Amino acid sequence: MLVLFFHGAHFISHKLAYGTPYDPANWPSTGNPFAALAVEGHTAVSLFFLLSGFVFTVGSLQSNLNFRGFYRNRLLRTYPLFLFFLALGIAFNLENFTLVGLLQSVFFLANSDTAINGGAFTYVFWSIAVEWHFYLLFPFLLLAVQRWGWKSLCLLIGAFLLVRCAAYFSGADMRSLSYYSIAGRIDQFMIGMLAGIYYRSFFNAGRRLDLVGIGGAGLVLVLLFGFNRLGGGAVNNYLWIFWPTLEAAAWAVFLIGYLSFARHFHRLVDKALVAVGTVSYSIYMGHYLVLDYFLRHDWESLLVFGDPLATAALNTLVLMLPLVLLLATATYFCVERPFLLRRRRYVKAETPVASGA
């Protein structure tokens, strides 16, 4: 849902302020740390990648991973909805179809410039490709942790920081490298794995970790606010060398604290969060369809409130979010769930982890 508010903040406010097609060069700047959470809402994708590393590690750390079962479950989890939107994107944008583009989209290269451009249907496909690049690497990263301990992940994170440093001094497009590819995002998955190792080994819910959760939330807001004041997601400079790592580290602190703090939630709040989480993949894949429809019909500012950013937030919350949730519920039950029920357990008996873990 944060990605919905991120896209709404940018596309709606840009249209209101400039009356021209969206241009990231006009990246909004805000003096409000809470508004920075929406303006830099691309951070939700970073959290998504962090959670992937965390969840898989928590479930597999001390187990023998069945590679075939793991990849089978990943296909069942992500590809039915992915192929559904891909088919619709092709059907509504036949002029963009190429066989090479189709093959790239289907075989984990949807973040390529020459992959299928299905308009609003495929707008977020780049991140699914990056997610799959991590899936291909995860079993090997898990084996490294089981053999050499958590320090192996720290060494790899350091290695990729050096890779991005070298890319920067070689004149690479740092924003594209760090934002749209595994070379920039791999740190976020591995920091998620480190958080998973901590959770399995040391986690103990209590007041101290509750405070860590509160502090982690503040840390995320401060970092995003500072990033926005330095130019935000539109900048294309040295910040992208370390920003993915720093961003993920802040979210990891919040995550560990949140898992403790969440025990205080009322059961109705808990159920509501679980319900939204259940359809979160469908929300992510379908949210831009709703936003794009509103933009094309000039309905994005039916409700006016204050400045362009406030108007964008109000229309996104009141008009678009309910429709996004309805669409997500429909695609979850009609497309996702029948395949999710076919998943099987892919971990075997527990195996010792290296002492360093």
Protein backbone atom coordinates (compact mmCIF):
# COMPACT_ATOMS: atom_id res chain seq x y z
CA MET A 1 0.00 0.00 0.00
CA LEU A 2 2.95 2.30 0.63
CA VAL A 3 3.98 1.84 -3.01
CA LEU A 4 0.48 2.95 -4.03
CA PHE A 5 0.86 6.13 -1.97
CA PHE A 6 4.36 6.63 -3.38
CA HIS A 7 3.16 6.45 -6.98
CA GLY A 8 0.11 8.55 -6.14
CA ALA A 9 2.24 11.22 -4.48
CA HIS A 10 4.47 11.51 -7.53
CA PHE A 11 2.14 11.10 -10.47
CA ILE A 12 -0.80 13.03 -9.08
CA SER A 13 1.18 15.91 -7.55
CA HIS A 14 3.28 16.22 -10.71
CA LYS A 15 0.18 16.46 -12.89
CA LEU A 16 -1.33 19.09 -10.57
CA ALA A 17 1.86 21.12 -10.27
CA TYR A 18 3.19 20.95 -13.83
CA GLY A 19 0.36 19.71 -16.06
CA THR A 20 2.89 17.67 -18.04
CA PRO A 21 3.82 13.96 -18.25
CA TYR A 22 5.66 12.73 -15.17
CA ASP A 23 9.33 13.65 -15.01
CA PRO A 24 11.44 12.30 -12.09
CA ALA A 25 13.63 15.40 -12.44
CA ASN A 26 10.80 17.23 -10.62
CA TRP A 27 11.16 14.99 -7.56
CA PRO A 28 9.13 16.45 -4.64
CA SER A 29 11.00 17.78 -1.63
CA THR A 30 9.29 17.89 1.76
CA GLY A 31 10.06 19.35 5.16
CA ASN A 32 7.88 16.75 6.88
CA PRO A 33 9.54 13.41 7.82
CA PHE A 34 6.19 11.60 7.67
CA ALA A 35 5.50 12.97 4.19
CA ALA A 36 8.98 11.77 3.22
CA LEU A 37 7.78 8.22 3.88
CA ALA A 38 5.33 8.60 0.97
CA VAL A 39 7.57 10.71 -1.27
CA GLU A 40 10.35 8.13 -0.85
CA GLY A 41 7.83 5.29 -0.71
CA HIS A 42 9.98 3.23 -3.07
CA THR A 43 11.51 2.15 0.23
CA ALA A 44 8.62 -0.31 0.54
CA VAL A 45 10.22 -2.37 -2.24
CA SER A 46 13.42 -2.44 -0.20
CA LEU A 47 11.41 -3.67 2.78
CA PHE A 48 9.84 -6.33 0.55
CA PHE A 49 13.28 -7.59 -0.48
CA LEU A 50 14.46 -7.54 3.14
CA LEU A 51 11.43 -9.57 4.20
CA SER A 52 12.10 -12.15 1.49
CA GLY A 53 15.56 -12.82 2.86
CA PHE A 54 14.22 -12.84 6.42
CA VAL A 55 11.29 -15.21 5.87
CA PHE A 56 13.23 -17.78 3.84
CA THR A 57 16.07 -17.79 6.37
CA VAL A 58 13.78 -18.17 9.38
CA GLY A 59 12.12 -21.14 7.70
CA SER A 60 15.24 -22.81 6.34
CA LEU A 61 18.23 -21.87 8.50
CA GLN A 62 18.72 -25.16 10.29
CA SER A 63 17.23 -27.37 7.58
CA ASN A 64 18.24 -29.17 4.43
CA LEU A 65 16.70 -27.26 1.56
CA ASN A 66 15.09 -29.20 -1.26
CA PHE A 67 16.14 -27.07 -4.25
CA ARG A 68 13.47 -28.44 -6.56
CA GLY A 69 10.71 -27.96 -3.99
CA PHE A 70 11.90 -24.44 -3.21
CA TYR A 71 11.81 -23.33 -6.84
CA ARG A 72 8.50 -25.09 -7.42
CA ASN A 73 6.94 -23.18 -4.54
CA ARG A 74 8.42 -19.90 -5.74
CA LEU A 75 6.91 -20.43 -9.19
CA LEU A 76 3.52 -21.25 -7.69
CA ARG A 77 3.75 -18.20 -5.44
CA THR A 78 4.76 -15.57 -7.99
CA TYR A 79 4.19 -16.73 -11.57
CA PRO A 80 0.42 -17.30 -11.97
CA LEU A 81 -0.35 -13.65 -11.17
CA PHE A 82 2.75 -12.50 -13.05
CA LEU A 83 1.69 -14.39 -16.20
CA PHE A 84 -1.90 -13.18 -15.80
CA PHE A 85 -0.82 -9.53 -15.87
CA LEU A 86 1.72 -10.24 -18.60
CA ALA A 87 -1.00 -11.70 -20.83
CA LEU A 88 -3.23 -8.69 -20.21
CA GLY A 89 -0.33 -6.32 -20.85
CA ILE A 90 0.36 -7.96 -24.20
CA ALA A 91 -3.33 -8.04 -25.18
CA PHE A 92 -3.79 -4.31 -24.49
CA ASN A 93 -0.42 -3.25 -25.91
CA LEU A 94 0.09 -5.48 -28.96
CA GLU A 95 2.19 -2.81 -30.65
CA ASN A 96 4.90 -3.39 -28.02
CA PHE A 97 5.08 -7.16 -28.44
CA THR A 98 8.34 -8.85 -29.44
CA LEU A 99 9.33 -12.48 -29.08
CA VAL A 100 12.62 -11.48 -27.46
CA GLY A 101 10.77 -9.27 -25.01
CA LEU A 102 8.40 -12.11 -24.15
CA LEU A 103 11.26 -14.52 -23.50
CA GLN A 104 13.03 -11.95 -21.34
CA SER A 105 9.90 -11.28 -19.30
CA VAL A 106 9.13 -14.94 -18.75
CA PHE A 107 12.70 -16.00 -17.98
CA PHE A 108 13.48 -13.63 -15.11
CA LEU A 109 14.67 -10.59 -17.12
CA ALA A 110 11.59 -8.38 -16.85
CA ASN A 111 13.87 -5.61 -15.53
CA SER A 112 15.55 -5.41 -18.94
CA ASP A 113 14.84 -2.36 -21.11
CA THR A 114 13.80 -4.66 -23.95
CA ALA A 115 11.39 -6.84 -21.96
CA ILE A 116 7.66 -6.66 -22.72
CA ASN A 117 6.19 -3.22 -22.09
CA GLY A 118 2.62 -3.96 -21.15
CA GLY A 119 1.87 -0.45 -19.91
CA ALA A 120 0.23 -0.30 -16.50
CA PHE A 121 -0.06 -4.10 -16.38
CA THR A 122 3.70 -4.63 -16.28
CA TYR A 123 4.78 -1.43 -14.55
CA VAL A 124 6.22 -3.17 -11.47
CA PHE A 125 7.58 -6.28 -13.23
CA TRP A 126 11.19 -5.14 -12.81
CA SER A 127 11.03 -5.93 -9.10
CA ILE A 128 9.67 -9.43 -9.68
CA ALA A 129 12.70 -10.11 -11.88
CA VAL A 130 15.05 -8.92 -9.11
CA GLU A 131 13.16 -11.05 -6.59
CA TRP A 132 13.69 -14.07 -8.81
CA HIS A 133 17.39 -13.35 -9.12
CA PHE A 134 17.51 -13.66 -5.34
CA TYR A 135 15.51 -16.90 -5.45
CA LEU A 136 18.15 -18.34 -7.76
CA LEU A 137 20.88 -17.32 -5.33
CA PHE A 138 19.22 -18.06 -1.99
CA PRO A 139 19.94 -21.80 -1.69
CA PHE A 140 23.64 -21.12 -2.25
CA LEU A 141 23.67 -18.24 0.22
CA LEU A 142 21.95 -20.50 2.76
CA LEU A 143 24.60 -23.19 2.23
CA ALA A 144 27.30 -20.56 2.80
CA VAL A 145 25.68 -19.54 6.09
CA GLN A 146 25.28 -23.15 7.21
CA ARG A 147 28.93 -23.86 6.46
CA TRP A 148 30.74 -20.62 7.37
CA GLY A 149 28.24 -18.72 9.50
CA TRP A 150 26.68 -15.27 9.31
CA LYS A 151 30.01 -13.57 8.66
CA SER A 152 29.96 -14.93 5.12
CA LEU A 153 26.99 -12.66 4.40
CA CYS A 154 28.82 -9.65 5.85
CA LEU A 155 31.77 -10.36 3.57
CA LEU A 156 29.48 -10.56 0.56
CA ILE A 157 27.77 -7.31 1.50
CA GLY A 158 31.17 -5.68 1.72
CA ALA A 159 32.13 -7.16 -1.64
CA PHE A 160 29.05 -5.72 -3.35
CA LEU A 161 29.72 -2.32 -1.80
CA LEU A 162 33.13 -2.46 -3.44
CA VAL A 163 31.53 -3.54 -6.73
CA ARG A 164 29.24 -0.51 -6.66
CA CYS A 165 32.17 1.75 -5.76
CA ALA A 166 34.04 0.44 -8.79
CA ALA A 167 30.95 0.93 -10.96
CA TYR A 168 30.60 4.52 -9.76
CA PHE A 169 34.19 5.41 -10.57
CA SER A 170 33.76 3.71 -13.95
CA GLY A 171 30.93 6.10 -14.79
CA ALA A 172 28.04 3.65 -14.45
CA ASP A 173 24.42 4.75 -14.17
CA MET A 174 24.28 4.26 -10.42
CA ARG A 175 20.55 4.77 -9.98
CA SER A 176 19.73 2.08 -12.52
CA LEU A 177 22.37 -0.29 -11.15
CA SER A 178 21.40 0.06 -7.50
CA TYR A 179 17.65 0.48 -7.91
CA TYR A 180 16.70 -1.88 -10.73
CA SER A 181 19.23 -4.72 -10.48
CA ILE A 182 20.35 -7.44 -8.11
CA ALA A 183 23.80 -5.80 -7.97
CA GLY A 184 22.26 -3.04 -5.88
CA ARG A 185 19.49 -4.97 -4.18
CA ILE A 186 21.40 -8.08 -3.09
CA ASP A 187 22.48 -6.31 0.14
CA GLN A 188 18.83 -5.93 1.13
CA PHE A 189 18.13 -9.63 0.75
CA MET A 190 21.26 -10.57 2.68
CA ILE A 191 20.55 -8.10 5.48
CA GLY A 192 17.14 -9.76 5.68
CA MET A 193 18.93 -13.08 6.02
CA LEU A 194 21.07 -11.65 8.83
CA ALA A 195 17.90 -10.48 10.58
CA GLY A 196 16.50 -14.00 10.15
CA ILE A 197 19.62 -15.50 11.74
CA TYR A 198 19.30 -13.10 14.67
CA TYR A 199 15.63 -13.97 15.04
CA ARG A 200 16.29 -17.71 15.10
CA SER A 201 19.25 -17.42 17.46
CA PHE A 202 18.64 -14.55 19.87
CA PHE A 203 15.15 -13.07 19.55
CA ASN A 204 13.24 -12.67 22.82
CA ALA A 205 10.22 -10.38 22.78
CA GLY A 206 10.25 -7.85 25.58
CA ARG A 207 10.35 -4.19 26.51
CA ARG A 208 13.90 -3.72 25.24
CA LEU A 209 13.00 -4.92 21.74
CA ASP A 210 9.77 -2.91 21.87
CA LEU A 211 11.95 0.18 22.20
CA VAL A 212 14.12 -1.08 19.34
CA GLY A 213 11.00 -1.17 17.17
CA ILE A 214 10.09 2.41 18.06
CA GLY A 215 13.68 3.53 17.53
CA GLY A 216 13.80 1.63 14.24
CA ALA A 217 10.69 3.43 12.99
CA GLY A 218 12.29 6.74 13.88
CA LEU A 219 15.52 5.72 12.18
CA VAL A 220 13.69 4.84 8.96
CA LEU A 221 11.89 8.19 8.96
CA VAL A 222 15.06 10.17 9.65
CA LEU A 223 16.99 8.37 6.91
CA LEU A 224 14.22 8.82 4.34
CA PHE A 225 13.84 12.48 5.28
CA GLY A 226 17.59 13.04 4.94
CA PHE A 227 17.65 11.15 1.64
CA ASN A 228 14.81 13.29 0.33
CA ARG A 229 16.59 16.50 1.34
CA LEU A 230 19.65 15.33 -0.60
CA GLY A 231 17.56 14.91 -3.74
CA GLY A 232 15.78 11.63 -3.04
CA GLY A 233 15.18 8.90 -5.55
CA ALA A 234 15.88 11.18 -8.48
CA VAL A 235 19.57 11.64 -7.69
CA ASN A 236 22.09 9.67 -9.70
CA ASN A 237 25.35 9.91 -7.80
CA TYR A 238 27.54 8.30 -5.13
CA LEU A 239 24.58 8.00 -2.72
CA TRP A 240 23.44 4.90 -4.58
CA ILE A 241 26.66 3.10 -3.63
CA PHE A 242 25.57 2.66 -0.03
CA TRP A 243 21.92 3.76 0.09
CA PRO A 244 20.44 0.26 -0.48
CA THR A 245 22.57 -1.11 2.36
CA LEU A 246 21.81 1.71 4.78
CA GLU A 247 18.11 1.64 3.97
CA ALA A 248 17.87 -2.11 4.54
CA ALA A 249 19.81 -1.92 7.81
CA ALA A 250 17.31 0.62 9.16
CA TRP A 251 14.37 -1.54 8.12
CA ALA A 252 16.03 -4.58 9.74
CA VAL A 253 16.24 -2.74 13.08
CA PHE A 254 12.56 -1.83 12.76
CA LEU A 255 11.61 -5.38 11.77
CA ILE A 256 13.20 -7.04 14.79
CA GLY A 257 11.61 -4.52 17.13
CA TYR A 258 8.25 -4.74 15.38
CA LEU A 259 8.13 -8.51 15.90
CA SER A 260 8.33 -7.83 19.61
CA PHE A 261 6.07 -4.78 19.71
CA ALA A 262 3.34 -6.44 17.65
CA ARG A 263 2.37 -8.66 20.58
CA HIS A 264 0.59 -5.60 22.03
CA PHE A 265 -1.76 -5.27 19.05
CA HIS A 266 -5.45 -5.91 19.57
CA ARG A 267 -6.53 -9.13 17.86
CA LEU A 268 -8.75 -7.19 15.42
CA VAL A 269 -5.76 -5.11 14.34
CA ASP A 270 -3.77 -8.31 14.00
CA LYS A 271 -6.45 -9.90 11.83
CA ALA A 272 -6.71 -6.79 9.65
CA LEU A 273 -2.95 -6.75 9.06
CA VAL A 274 -2.97 -10.46 8.22
CA ALA A 275 -5.87 -9.95 5.80
CA VAL A 276 -4.07 -7.14 3.97
CA GLY A 277 -0.83 -9.11 4.03
CA THR A 278 -2.58 -12.07 2.44
CA VAL A 279 -3.48 -10.03 -0.65
CA SER A 280 -0.35 -7.83 -0.58
CA TYR A 281 1.17 -9.35 -3.73
CA SER A 282 -2.06 -8.68 -5.61
CA ILE A 283 -2.13 -5.14 -4.20
CA TYR A 284 1.37 -4.54 -5.47
CA MET A 285 0.78 -6.00 -8.91
CA GLY A 286 -2.55 -4.28 -9.51
CA HIS A 287 -2.31 -0.92 -7.76
CA TYR A 288 -0.86 0.95 -10.73
CA LEU A 289 -3.76 -0.13 -12.94
CA VAL A 290 -6.16 1.80 -10.72
CA LEU A 291 -3.89 4.85 -10.47
CA ASP A 292 -3.30 4.90 -14.22
CA TYR A 293 -7.05 4.67 -14.89
CA PHE A 294 -7.73 7.66 -12.64
CA LEU A 295 -4.94 9.67 -14.25
CA ARG A 296 -6.10 8.96 -17.80
CA HIS A 297 -9.69 10.00 -16.96
CA ASP A 298 -8.63 13.10 -14.98
CA TRP A 299 -10.18 11.75 -11.79
CA GLU A 300 -7.01 11.94 -9.71
CA SER A 301 -7.98 15.24 -8.01
CA LEU A 302 -11.73 14.95 -7.52
CA LEU A 303 -11.05 15.80 -3.88
CA VAL A 304 -8.90 18.90 -3.33
CA PHE A 305 -7.08 19.48 -0.08
CA GLY A 306 -4.18 21.88 0.41
CA ASP A 307 -1.07 21.47 -1.73
CA PRO A 308 -0.58 18.91 -4.55
CA LEU A 309 1.00 16.32 -2.21
CA ALA A 310 -1.88 16.53 0.27
CA THR A 311 -4.42 16.32 -2.55
CA ALA A 312 -2.60 13.29 -3.94
CA ALA A 313 -2.64 11.57 -0.53
CA LEU A 314 -6.35 12.28 0.01
CA ASN A 315 -7.47 10.98 -3.39
CA THR A 316 -5.23 7.93 -3.09
CA LEU A 317 -6.62 7.09 0.35
CA VAL A 318 -10.31 7.77 -0.19
CA LEU A 319 -10.89 6.95 -3.86
CA MET A 320 -8.15 4.59 -5.06
CA LEU A 321 -7.19 2.44 -2.09
CA PRO A 322 -10.67 0.83 -1.73
CA LEU A 323 -10.67 -0.07 -5.44
CA VAL A 324 -7.14 -1.43 -5.21
CA LEU A 325 -8.17 -3.64 -2.27
CA LEU A 326 -11.22 -4.90 -4.18
CA LEU A 327 -9.15 -5.69 -7.27
CA ALA A 328 -6.47 -7.36 -5.13
CA THR A 329 -9.03 -9.52 -3.35
CA ALA A 330 -10.47 -10.65 -6.68
CA THR A 331 -7.09 -11.52 -8.24
CA TYR A 332 -5.96 -13.25 -5.05
CA PHE A 333 -8.92 -15.62 -4.90
CA CYS A 334 -9.27 -16.12 -8.67
CA VAL A 335 -5.60 -16.26 -9.72
CA GLU A 336 -3.25 -16.65 -6.76
CA ARG A 337 -4.98 -18.91 -4.27
CA PRO A 338 -5.67 -21.95 -6.50
CA PHE A 339 -1.92 -22.26 -7.10
CA LEU A 340 -0.89 -21.40 -3.55
CA LEU A 341 -2.84 -24.43 -2.35
CA ARG A 342 -0.54 -26.63 -4.45
CA ARG A 343 2.62 -25.64 -2.60
CA ARG A 344 4.48 -28.30 -0.62
CA ARG A 345 7.03 -28.31 2.17
CA TYR A 346 10.56 -27.91 0.83
CA VAL A 347 12.71 -28.26 3.97
CA LYS A 348 13.92 -31.52 5.50
CA ALA A 349 15.33 -32.50 8.88
CA GLU A 350 17.27 -29.83 10.70
CA THR A 351 21.02 -29.63 10.20
CA PRO A 352 23.65 -27.89 12.38
CA VAL A 353 24.66 -24.32 11.53
CA ALA A 354 28.27 -23.12 11.63
CA SER A 355 29.30 -21.73 14.98
CA GLY A 356 29.67 -18.26 13.48
CA ALA A 357 25.89 -18.17 12.91
